[in-house]
């Protein structure tokens, strides 16, 4: 079984910090949340994120207990979470309050 690290208990993504994960691998969470087991639906490169739970399009993606962006489409538990399905909300001047 592969392990992903979860920084904060409310995070909905975990990070592959020990080794890459292949689609079909069994994955368990470790860190602040160690109660999740799932099957990877995609290859996850070392250092990349995997969805721990289903994340609806438009919903907040949480890592470090903070928003790192919004899902641009539905993300299923076990999916690779990266720029292809998350839009960052950091450093976005177009979102700054005037």
PDB file of N, CA and C in Angstrom:
ATOM      1  N   UNK A   1       0.852  -1.177   0.000  1.00  0.00           N
ATOM      2  CA  UNK A   1       0.000   0.000   0.000  1.00  0.00           C
ATOM      3  C   UNK A   1       0.894   1.234   0.000  1.00  0.00           C
ATOM      4  N   UNK A   2       0.532   2.220  -0.836  1.00  0.00           N
ATOM      5  CA  UNK A   2       1.251   3.488  -0.902  1.00  0.00           C
ATOM      6  C   UNK A   2       0.670   4.432   0.153  1.00  0.00           C
ATOM      7  N   UNK A   3       1.478   5.401   0.555  1.00  0.00           N
ATOM      8  CA  UNK A   3       1.049   6.344   1.588  1.00  0.00           C
ATOM      9  C   UNK A   3       1.151   7.772   1.073  1.00  0.00           C
ATOM     10  N   UNK A   4       0.148   8.579   1.390  1.00  0.00           N
ATOM     11  CA  UNK A   4       0.196  10.011   1.102  1.00  0.00           C
ATOM     12  C   UNK A   4       0.126  10.769   2.416  1.00  0.00           C
ATOM     13  N   UNK A   5       0.777  11.911   2.459  1.00  0.00           N
ATOM     14  CA  UNK A   5       0.832  12.701   3.682  1.00  0.00           C
ATOM     15  C   UNK A   5      -0.247  13.767   3.657  1.00  0.00           C
ATOM     16  N   UNK A   6      -0.958  13.882   4.780  1.00  0.00           N
ATOM     17  CA  UNK A   6      -2.006  14.889   4.932  1.00  0.00           C
ATOM     18  C   UNK A   6      -1.532  15.870   6.004  1.00  0.00           C
ATOM     19  N   UNK A   7      -1.408  17.131   5.622  1.00  0.00           N
ATOM     20  CA  UNK A   7      -0.839  18.148   6.492  1.00  0.00           C
ATOM     21  C   UNK A   7      -1.800  18.543   7.607  1.00  0.00           C
ATOM     22  N   UNK A   8      -3.079  18.703   7.279  1.00  0.00           N
ATOM     23  CA  UNK A   8      -4.072  19.229   8.223  1.00  0.00           C
ATOM     24  C   UNK A   8      -5.333  18.369   8.138  1.00  0.00           C
ATOM     25  N   UNK A   9      -5.979  18.165   9.248  1.00  0.00           N
ATOM     26  CA  UNK A   9      -7.115  17.232   9.310  1.00  0.00           C
ATOM     27  C   UNK A   9      -8.256  17.573   8.349  1.00  0.00           C
ATOM     28  N   UNK A  10      -8.441  18.851   8.006  1.00  0.00           N
ATOM     29  CA  UNK A  10      -9.532  19.243   7.110  1.00  0.00           C
ATOM     30  C   UNK A  10      -9.152  19.207   5.631  1.00  0.00           C
ATOM     31  N   UNK A  11      -7.897  18.885   5.311  1.00  0.00           N
ATOM     32  CA  UNK A  11      -7.459  18.851   3.920  1.00  0.00           C
ATOM     33  C   UNK A  11      -8.246  17.809   3.127  1.00  0.00           C
ATOM     34  N   UNK A  12      -8.529  18.123   1.869  1.00  0.00           N
ATOM     35  CA  UNK A  12      -9.201  17.147   1.008  1.00  0.00           C
ATOM     36  C   UNK A  12      -8.260  16.576  -0.044  1.00  0.00           C
ATOM     37  N   UNK A  13      -6.950  16.872   0.096  1.00  0.00           N
ATOM     38  CA  UNK A  13      -5.916  16.275  -0.743  1.00  0.00           C
ATOM     39  C   UNK A  13      -4.774  15.793   0.134  1.00  0.00           C
ATOM     40  N   UNK A  14      -4.063  14.788  -0.357  1.00  0.00           N
ATOM     41  CA  UNK A  14      -2.845  14.300   0.281  1.00  0.00           C
ATOM     42  C   UNK A  14      -1.719  14.381  -0.732  1.00  0.00           C
ATOM     43  N   UNK A  15      -0.485  14.367  -0.253  1.00  0.00           N
ATOM     44  CA  UNK A  15       0.674  14.511  -1.128  1.00  0.00           C
ATOM     45  C   UNK A  15       1.509  13.237  -1.133  1.00  0.00           C
ATOM     46  N   UNK A  16       1.923  12.833  -2.332  1.00  0.00           N
ATOM     47  CA  UNK A  16       2.800  11.668  -2.492  1.00  0.00           C
ATOM     48  C   UNK A  16       4.219  12.100  -2.124  1.00  0.00           C
ATOM     49  N   UNK A  17       4.629  11.829  -0.885  1.00  0.00           N
ATOM     50  CA  UNK A  17       5.933  12.311  -0.411  1.00  0.00           C
ATOM     51  C   UNK A  17       6.984  11.209  -0.310  1.00  0.00           C
ATOM     52  N   UNK A  18       6.602   9.968  -0.418  1.00  0.00           N
ATOM     53  CA  UNK A  18       7.570   8.875  -0.312  1.00  0.00           C
ATOM     54  C   UNK A  18       7.963   8.308  -1.665  1.00  0.00           C
ATOM     55  N   UNK A  19       7.003   8.230  -2.575  1.00  0.00           N
ATOM     56  CA  UNK A  19       7.243   7.634  -3.882  1.00  0.00           C
ATOM     57  C   UNK A  19       6.072   7.960  -4.796  1.00  0.00           C
ATOM     58  N   UNK A  20       6.274   7.827  -6.104  1.00  0.00           N
ATOM     59  CA  UNK A  20       5.150   8.027  -7.023  1.00  0.00           C
ATOM     60  C   UNK A  20       4.093   6.946  -6.807  1.00  0.00           C
ATOM     61  N   UNK A  21       2.899   7.239  -7.256  1.00  0.00           N
ATOM     62  CA  UNK A  21       1.766   6.318  -7.134  1.00  0.00           C
ATOM     63  C   UNK A  21       1.272   6.015  -8.544  1.00  0.00           C
ATOM     64  N   UNK A  22       0.928   4.778  -8.794  1.00  0.00           N
ATOM     65  CA  UNK A  22       0.398   4.377 -10.100  1.00  0.00           C
ATOM     66  C   UNK A  22      -1.102   4.173 -10.007  1.00  0.00           C
ATOM     67  N   UNK A  23      -1.790   4.442 -11.105  1.00  0.00           N
ATOM     68  CA  UNK A  23      -3.231   4.181 -11.165  1.00  0.00           C
ATOM     69  C   UNK A  23      -3.480   2.735 -10.750  1.00  0.00           C
ATOM     70  N   UNK A  24      -4.459   2.531  -9.881  1.00  0.00           N
ATOM     71  CA  UNK A  24      -4.795   1.203  -9.396  1.00  0.00           C
ATOM     72  C   UNK A  24      -4.148   0.843  -8.074  1.00  0.00           C
ATOM     73  N   UNK A  25      -3.129   1.620  -7.661  1.00  0.00           N
ATOM     74  CA  UNK A  25      -2.487   1.360  -6.358  1.00  0.00           C
ATOM     75  C   UNK A  25      -3.442   1.646  -5.207  1.00  0.00           C
ATOM     76  N   UNK A  26      -3.349   0.849  -4.157  1.00  0.00           N
ATOM     77  CA  UNK A  26      -4.059   1.140  -2.909  1.00  0.00           C
ATOM     78  C   UNK A  26      -3.280   2.230  -2.190  1.00  0.00           C
ATOM     79  N   UNK A  27      -4.009   3.201  -1.650  1.00  0.00           N
ATOM     80  CA  UNK A  27      -3.393   4.369  -1.026  1.00  0.00           C
ATOM     81  C   UNK A  27      -4.027   4.600   0.339  1.00  0.00           C
ATOM     82  N   UNK A  28      -3.190   4.899   1.334  1.00  0.00           N
ATOM     83  CA  UNK A  28      -3.665   5.230   2.671  1.00  0.00           C
ATOM     84  C   UNK A  28      -3.123   6.601   3.051  1.00  0.00           C
ATOM     85  N   UNK A  29      -3.895   7.325   3.854  1.00  0.00           N
ATOM     86  CA  UNK A  29      -3.451   8.639   4.313  1.00  0.00           C
ATOM     87  C   UNK A  29      -2.668   8.503   5.607  1.00  0.00           C
ATOM     88  N   UNK A  30      -1.764   9.442   5.818  1.00  0.00           N
ATOM     89  CA  UNK A  30      -0.926   9.479   7.006  1.00  0.00           C
ATOM     90  C   UNK A  30      -0.735  10.945   7.371  1.00  0.00           C
ATOM     91  N   UNK A  31      -0.413  11.213   8.610  1.00  0.00           N
ATOM     92  CA  UNK A  31      -0.240  12.590   9.057  1.00  0.00           C
ATOM     93  C   UNK A  31      -1.397  12.981   9.943  1.00  0.00           C
ATOM     94  N   UNK A  32      -1.916  14.179   9.735  1.00  0.00           N
ATOM     95  CA  UNK A  32      -3.018  14.674  10.561  1.00  0.00           C
ATOM     96  C   UNK A  32      -4.324  13.933  10.297  1.00  0.00           C
ATOM     97  N   UNK A  33      -4.379  13.181   9.219  1.00  0.00           N
ATOM     98  CA  UNK A  33      -5.560  12.370   8.906  1.00  0.00           C
ATOM     99  C   UNK A  33      -5.083  11.024   8.412  1.00  0.00           C
ATOM    100  N   UNK A  34      -5.405   9.997   9.168  1.00  0.00           N
ATOM    101  CA  UNK A  34      -4.920   8.659   8.800  1.00  0.00           C
ATOM    102  C   UNK A  34      -6.065   7.654   8.679  1.00  0.00           C
ATOM    103  N   UNK A  35      -7.257   8.157   8.367  1.00  0.00           N
ATOM    104  CA  UNK A  35      -8.442   7.292   8.315  1.00  0.00           C
ATOM    105  C   UNK A  35      -8.941   7.023   6.895  1.00  0.00           C
ATOM    106  N   UNK A  36      -8.169   7.404   5.893  1.00  0.00           N
ATOM    107  CA  UNK A  36      -8.645   7.258   4.521  1.00  0.00           C
ATOM    108  C   UNK A  36      -7.844   6.190   3.784  1.00  0.00           C
ATOM    109  N   UNK A  37      -8.569   5.321   3.099  1.00  0.00           N
ATOM    110  CA  UNK A  37      -7.965   4.354   2.187  1.00  0.00           C
ATOM    111  C   UNK A  37      -8.753   4.430   0.892  1.00  0.00           C
ATOM    112  N   UNK A  38      -8.036   4.453  -0.222  1.00  0.00           N
ATOM    113  CA  UNK A  38      -8.687   4.571  -1.525  1.00  0.00           C
ATOM    114  C   UNK A  38      -7.809   3.946  -2.590  1.00  0.00           C
ATOM    115  N   UNK A  39      -8.325   3.909  -3.798  1.00  0.00           N
ATOM    116  CA  UNK A  39      -7.562   3.410  -4.937  1.00  0.00           C
ATOM    117  C   UNK A  39      -7.248   4.588  -5.845  1.00  0.00           C
ATOM    118  N   UNK A  40      -5.980   4.713  -6.220  1.00  0.00           N
ATOM    119  CA  UNK A  40      -5.578   5.794  -7.122  1.00  0.00           C
ATOM    120  C   UNK A  40      -6.234   5.585  -8.478  1.00  0.00           C
ATOM    121  N   UNK A  41      -6.832   6.628  -9.006  1.00  0.00           N
ATOM    122  CA  UNK A  41      -7.501   6.573 -10.308  1.00  0.00           C
ATOM    123  C   UNK A  41      -6.587   7.047 -11.430  1.00  0.00           C
ATOM    124  N   UNK A  42      -5.415   7.577 -11.050  1.00  0.00           N
ATOM    125  CA  UNK A  42      -4.463   8.100 -12.034  1.00  0.00           C
ATOM    126  C   UNK A  42      -3.065   7.975 -11.455  1.00  0.00           C
ATOM    127  N   UNK A  43      -2.073   8.117 -12.309  1.00  0.00           N
ATOM    128  CA  UNK A  43      -0.700   8.168 -11.824  1.00  0.00           C
ATOM    129  C   UNK A  43      -0.490   9.486 -11.090  1.00  0.00           C
ATOM    130  N   UNK A  44       0.185   9.426  -9.948  1.00  0.00           N
ATOM    131  CA  UNK A  44       0.468  10.607  -9.134  1.00  0.00           C
ATOM    132  C   UNK A  44       1.980  10.700  -8.987  1.00  0.00           C
ATOM    133  N   UNK A  45       2.580  11.740  -9.536  1.00  0.00           N
ATOM    134  CA  UNK A  45       4.029  11.913  -9.453  1.00  0.00           C
ATOM    135  C   UNK A  45       4.437  12.271  -8.025  1.00  0.00           C
ATOM    136  N   UNK A  46       5.688  11.949  -7.695  1.00  0.00           N
ATOM    137  CA  UNK A  46       6.244  12.331  -6.396  1.00  0.00           C
ATOM    138  C   UNK A  46       6.036  13.833  -6.192  1.00  0.00           C
ATOM    139  N   UNK A  47       5.513  14.193  -5.022  1.00  0.00           N
ATOM    140  CA  UNK A  47       5.288  15.601  -4.692  1.00  0.00           C
ATOM    141  C   UNK A  47       3.957  16.150  -5.157  1.00  0.00           C
ATOM    142  N   UNK A  48       3.198  15.357  -5.917  1.00  0.00           N
ATOM    143  CA  UNK A  48       1.899  15.819  -6.408  1.00  0.00           C
ATOM    144  C   UNK A  48       0.788  15.379  -5.467  1.00  0.00           C
ATOM    145  N   UNK A  49      -0.407  15.910  -5.705  1.00  0.00           N
ATOM    146  CA  UNK A  49      -1.544  15.697  -4.823  1.00  0.00           C
ATOM    147  C   UNK A  49      -2.543  14.693  -5.396  1.00  0.00           C
ATOM    148  N   UNK A  50      -3.201  13.992  -4.482  1.00  0.00           N
ATOM    149  CA  UNK A  50      -4.289  13.075  -4.811  1.00  0.00           C
ATOM    150  C   UNK A  50      -5.510  13.497  -4.009  1.00  0.00           C
ATOM    151  N   UNK A  51      -6.666  13.444  -4.633  1.00  0.00           N
ATOM    152  CA  UNK A  51      -7.908  13.769  -3.931  1.00  0.00           C
ATOM    153  C   UNK A  51      -8.229  12.666  -2.931  1.00  0.00           C
ATOM    154  N   UNK A  52      -8.469  13.057  -1.695  1.00  0.00           N
ATOM    155  CA  UNK A  52      -8.841  12.101  -0.646  1.00  0.00           C
ATOM    156  C   UNK A  52     -10.343  11.852  -0.638  1.00  0.00           C
ATOM    157  N   UNK A  53     -11.086  12.838  -1.104  1.00  0.00           N
ATOM    158  CA  UNK A  53     -12.549  12.814  -1.132  1.00  0.00           C
ATOM    159  C   UNK A  53     -12.995  13.353  -2.484  1.00  0.00           C
ATOM    160  N   UNK A  54     -14.243  13.159  -2.833  1.00  0.00           N
ATOM    161  CA  UNK A  54     -14.785  13.801  -4.024  1.00  0.00           C
ATOM    162  C   UNK A  54     -14.811  15.310  -3.780  1.00  0.00           C
ATOM    163  N   UNK A  55     -14.425  16.073  -4.810  1.00  0.00           N
ATOM    164  CA  UNK A  55     -14.411  17.534  -4.733  1.00  0.00           C
ATOM    165  C   UNK A  55     -15.224  18.030  -5.928  1.00  0.00           C
ATOM    166  N   UNK A  56     -16.318  18.713  -5.668  1.00  0.00           N
ATOM    167  CA  UNK A  56     -17.198  19.185  -6.741  1.00  0.00           C
ATOM    168  C   UNK A  56     -16.586  20.371  -7.473  1.00  0.00           C
ATOM    169  N   UNK A  57     -16.927  20.504  -8.752  1.00  0.00           N
ATOM    170  CA  UNK A  57     -16.485  21.660  -9.536  1.00  0.00           C
ATOM    171  C   UNK A  57     -16.858  22.937  -8.785  1.00  0.00           C
ATOM    172  N   UNK A  58     -15.913  23.849  -8.664  1.00  0.00           N
ATOM    173  CA  UNK A  58     -16.137  25.108  -7.965  1.00  0.00           C
ATOM    174  C   UNK A  58     -15.820  25.057  -6.483  1.00  0.00           C
ATOM    175  N   UNK A  59     -15.659  23.854  -5.935  1.00  0.00           N
ATOM    176  CA  UNK A  59     -15.378  23.712  -4.503  1.00  0.00           C
ATOM    177  C   UNK A  59     -13.914  24.040  -4.209  1.00  0.00           C
ATOM    178  N   UNK A  60     -13.655  24.334  -2.965  1.00  0.00           N
ATOM    179  CA  UNK A  60     -12.319  24.690  -2.514  1.00  0.00           C
ATOM    180  C   UNK A  60     -11.453  23.445  -2.340  1.00  0.00           C
ATOM    181  N   UNK A  61     -10.227  23.526  -2.834  1.00  0.00           N
ATOM    182  CA  UNK A  61      -9.233  22.471  -2.632  1.00  0.00           C
ATOM    183  C   UNK A  61      -8.387  22.904  -1.436  1.00  0.00           C
ATOM    184  N   UNK A  62      -8.338  22.057  -0.406  1.00  0.00           N
ATOM    185  CA  UNK A  62      -7.664  22.407   0.844  1.00  0.00           C
ATOM    186  C   UNK A  62      -6.392  21.601   1.060  1.00  0.00           C
ATOM    187  N   UNK A  63      -5.304  22.324   1.315  1.00  0.00           N
ATOM    188  CA  UNK A  63      -4.026  21.739   1.711  1.00  0.00           C
ATOM    189  C   UNK A  63      -3.424  22.706   2.720  1.00  0.00           C
ATOM    190  N   UNK A  64      -2.758  22.197   3.719  1.00  0.00           N
ATOM    191  CA  UNK A  64      -2.220  23.025   4.812  1.00  0.00           C
ATOM    192  C   UNK A  64      -3.348  23.662   5.624  1.00  0.00           C
ATOM    193  N   UNK A  65      -4.566  23.136   5.491  1.00  0.00           N
ATOM    194  CA  UNK A  65      -5.708  23.740   6.169  1.00  0.00           C
ATOM    195  C   UNK A  65      -6.159  25.028   5.514  1.00  0.00           C
ATOM    196  N   UNK A  66      -5.625  25.315   4.324  1.00  0.00           N
ATOM    197  CA  UNK A  66      -5.934  26.554   3.599  1.00  0.00           C
ATOM    198  C   UNK A  66      -6.359  26.229   2.177  1.00  0.00           C
ATOM    199  N   UNK A  67      -7.077  27.162   1.579  1.00  0.00           N
ATOM    200  CA  UNK A  67      -7.453  27.013   0.189  1.00  0.00           C
ATOM    201  C   UNK A  67      -6.221  27.182  -0.699  1.00  0.00           C
ATOM    202  N   UNK A  68      -6.018  26.231  -1.603  1.00  0.00           N
ATOM    203  CA  UNK A  68      -4.944  26.382  -2.602  1.00  0.00           C
ATOM    204  C   UNK A  68      -5.553  26.617  -3.982  1.00  0.00           C
ATOM    205  N   UNK A  69      -6.875  26.632  -4.058  1.00  0.00           N
ATOM    206  CA  UNK A  69      -7.543  26.885  -5.320  1.00  0.00           C
ATOM    207  C   UNK A  69      -8.951  26.328  -5.337  1.00  0.00           C
ATOM    208  N   UNK A  70      -9.547  26.390  -6.519  1.00  0.00           N
ATOM    209  CA  UNK A  70     -10.900  25.884  -6.724  1.00  0.00           C
ATOM    210  C   UNK A  70     -10.877  24.823  -7.823  1.00  0.00           C
ATOM    211  N   UNK A  71     -11.658  23.799  -7.630  1.00  0.00           N
ATOM    212  CA  UNK A  71     -11.757  22.735  -8.633  1.00  0.00           C
ATOM    213  C   UNK A  71     -12.417  23.303  -9.888  1.00  0.00           C
ATOM    214  N   UNK A  72     -11.803  23.093 -11.045  1.00  0.00           N
ATOM    215  CA  UNK A  72     -12.373  23.585 -12.292  1.00  0.00           C
ATOM    216  C   UNK A  72     -13.339  22.567 -12.909  1.00  0.00           C
ATOM    217  N   UNK A  73     -13.365  21.377 -12.349  1.00  0.00           N
ATOM    218  CA  UNK A  73     -14.303  20.331 -12.747  1.00  0.00           C
ATOM    219  C   UNK A  73     -14.437  19.368 -11.577  1.00  0.00           C
ATOM    220  N   UNK A  74     -15.387  18.476 -11.642  1.00  0.00           N
ATOM    221  CA  UNK A  74     -15.535  17.480 -10.583  1.00  0.00           C
ATOM    222  C   UNK A  74     -14.262  16.648 -10.490  1.00  0.00           C
ATOM    223  N   UNK A  75     -13.795  16.443  -9.271  1.00  0.00           N
ATOM    224  CA  UNK A  75     -12.612  15.627  -9.004  1.00  0.00           C
ATOM    225  C   UNK A  75     -13.063  14.489  -8.105  1.00  0.00           C
ATOM    226  N   UNK A  76     -12.785  13.278  -8.509  1.00  0.00           N
ATOM    227  CA  UNK A  76     -13.183  12.117  -7.710  1.00  0.00           C
ATOM    228  C   UNK A  76     -12.046  11.692  -6.795  1.00  0.00           C
ATOM    229  N   UNK A  77     -12.414  11.110  -5.657  1.00  0.00           N
ATOM    230  CA  UNK A  77     -11.405  10.573  -4.740  1.00  0.00           C
ATOM    231  C   UNK A  77     -10.501   9.634  -5.519  1.00  0.00           C
ATOM    232  N   UNK A  78      -9.189   9.828  -5.370  1.00  0.00           N
ATOM    233  CA  UNK A  78      -8.215   9.011  -6.086  1.00  0.00           C
ATOM    234  C   UNK A  78      -7.661   9.673  -7.334  1.00  0.00           C
ATOM    235  N   UNK A  79      -8.260  10.801  -7.751  1.00  0.00           N
ATOM    236  CA  UNK A  79      -7.776  11.523  -8.926  1.00  0.00           C
ATOM    237  C   UNK A  79      -6.524  12.329  -8.607  1.00  0.00           C
ATOM    238  N   UNK A  80      -5.713  12.554  -9.628  1.00  0.00           N
ATOM    239  CA  UNK A  80      -4.570  13.458  -9.549  1.00  0.00           C
ATOM    240  C   UNK A  80      -5.120  14.880  -9.448  1.00  0.00           C
ATOM    241  N   UNK A  81      -4.609  15.664  -8.523  1.00  0.00           N
ATOM    242  CA  UNK A  81      -5.049  17.046  -8.336  1.00  0.00           C
ATOM    243  C   UNK A  81      -3.875  17.946  -8.701  1.00  0.00           C
ATOM    244  N   UNK A  82      -4.065  18.726  -9.776  1.00  0.00           N
ATOM    245  CA  UNK A  82      -2.976  19.572 -10.270  1.00  0.00           C
ATOM    246  C   UNK A  82      -3.575  20.669 -11.149  1.00  0.00           C
ATOM    247  N   UNK A  83      -2.761  21.316 -11.937  1.00  0.00           N
ATOM    248  CA  UNK A  83      -3.211  22.464 -12.725  1.00  0.00           C
ATOM    249  C   UNK A  83      -4.269  22.124 -13.770  1.00  0.00           C
ATOM    250  N   UNK A  84      -4.416  20.869 -14.125  1.00  0.00           N
ATOM    251  CA  UNK A  84      -5.418  20.488 -15.120  1.00  0.00           C
ATOM    252  C   UNK A  84      -6.842  20.479 -14.558  1.00  0.00           C
ATOM    253  N   UNK A  85      -6.972  20.486 -13.224  1.00  0.00           N
ATOM    254  CA  UNK A  85      -8.317  20.473 -12.637  1.00  0.00           C
ATOM    255  C   UNK A  85      -8.472  21.404 -11.431  1.00  0.00           C
ATOM    256  N   UNK A  86      -7.483  22.270 -11.204  1.00  0.00           N
ATOM    257  CA  UNK A  86      -7.553  23.249 -10.111  1.00  0.00           C
ATOM    258  C   UNK A  86      -7.050  24.597 -10.622  1.00  0.00           C
ATOM    259  N   UNK A  87      -7.793  25.637 -10.293  1.00  0.00           N
ATOM    260  CA  UNK A  87      -7.371  26.996 -10.606  1.00  0.00           C
ATOM    261  C   UNK A  87      -6.916  27.647  -9.306  1.00  0.00           C
ATOM    262  N   UNK A  88      -5.698  28.125  -9.296  1.00  0.00           N
ATOM    263  CA  UNK A  88      -5.136  28.745  -8.092  1.00  0.00           C
ATOM    264  C   UNK A  88      -5.897  30.014  -7.742  1.00  0.00           C
ATOM    265  N   UNK A  89      -5.970  30.285  -6.454  1.00  0.00           N
ATOM    266  CA  UNK A  89      -6.558  31.554  -6.018  1.00  0.00           C
ATOM    267  C   UNK A  89      -5.515  32.413  -5.313  1.00  0.00           C
ATOM    268  N   UNK A  90      -4.257  32.054  -5.448  1.00  0.00           N
ATOM    269  CA  UNK A  90      -3.165  32.804  -4.838  1.00  0.00           C
ATOM    270  C   UNK A  90      -2.520  33.701  -5.884  1.00  0.00           C
ATOM    271  N   UNK A  91      -2.203  34.911  -5.486  1.00  0.00           N
ATOM    272  CA  UNK A  91      -1.544  35.847  -6.381  1.00  0.00           C
ATOM    273  C   UNK A  91      -2.401  36.262  -7.548  1.00  0.00           C
ATOM    274  N   UNK A  92      -3.718  36.227  -7.377  1.00  0.00           N
ATOM    275  CA  UNK A  92      -4.660  36.555  -8.450  1.00  0.00           C
ATOM    276  C   UNK A  92      -5.095  38.006  -8.309  1.00  0.00           C
ATOM    277  N   UNK A  93      -4.426  38.898  -8.994  1.00  0.00           N
ATOM    278  CA  UNK A  93      -4.809  40.308  -8.965  1.00  0.00           C
ATOM    279  C   UNK A  93      -6.219  40.550  -9.446  1.00  0.00           C
ATOM    280  N   UNK A  94      -6.697  39.688 -10.352  1.00  0.00           N
ATOM    281  CA  UNK A  94      -8.054  39.858 -10.859  1.00  0.00           C
ATOM    282  C   UNK A  94      -9.108  39.519  -9.813  1.00  0.00           C
ATOM    283  N   UNK A  95      -8.702  38.872  -8.725  1.00  0.00           N
ATOM    284  CA  UNK A  95      -9.636  38.542  -7.650  1.00  0.00           C
ATOM    285  C   UNK A  95      -9.503  39.492  -6.457  1.00  0.00           C
ATOM    286  N   UNK A  96      -8.528  40.403  -6.516  1.00  0.00           N
ATOM    287  CA  UNK A  96      -8.297  41.322  -5.402  1.00  0.00           C
ATOM    288  C   UNK A  96      -9.464  42.292  -5.249  1.00  0.00           C
ATOM    289  N   UNK A  97      -9.774  42.592  -4.007  1.00  0.00           N
ATOM    290  CA  UNK A  97     -10.829  43.564  -3.741  1.00  0.00           C
ATOM    291  C   UNK A  97     -10.315  44.959  -4.073  1.00  0.00           C
ATOM    292  N   UNK A  98     -11.152  45.767  -4.698  1.00  0.00           N
ATOM    293  CA  UNK A  98     -10.751  47.132  -5.055  1.00  0.00           C
ATOM    294  C   UNK A  98     -11.076  48.101  -3.957  1.00  0.00           C
TER     295      UNK A  98
END
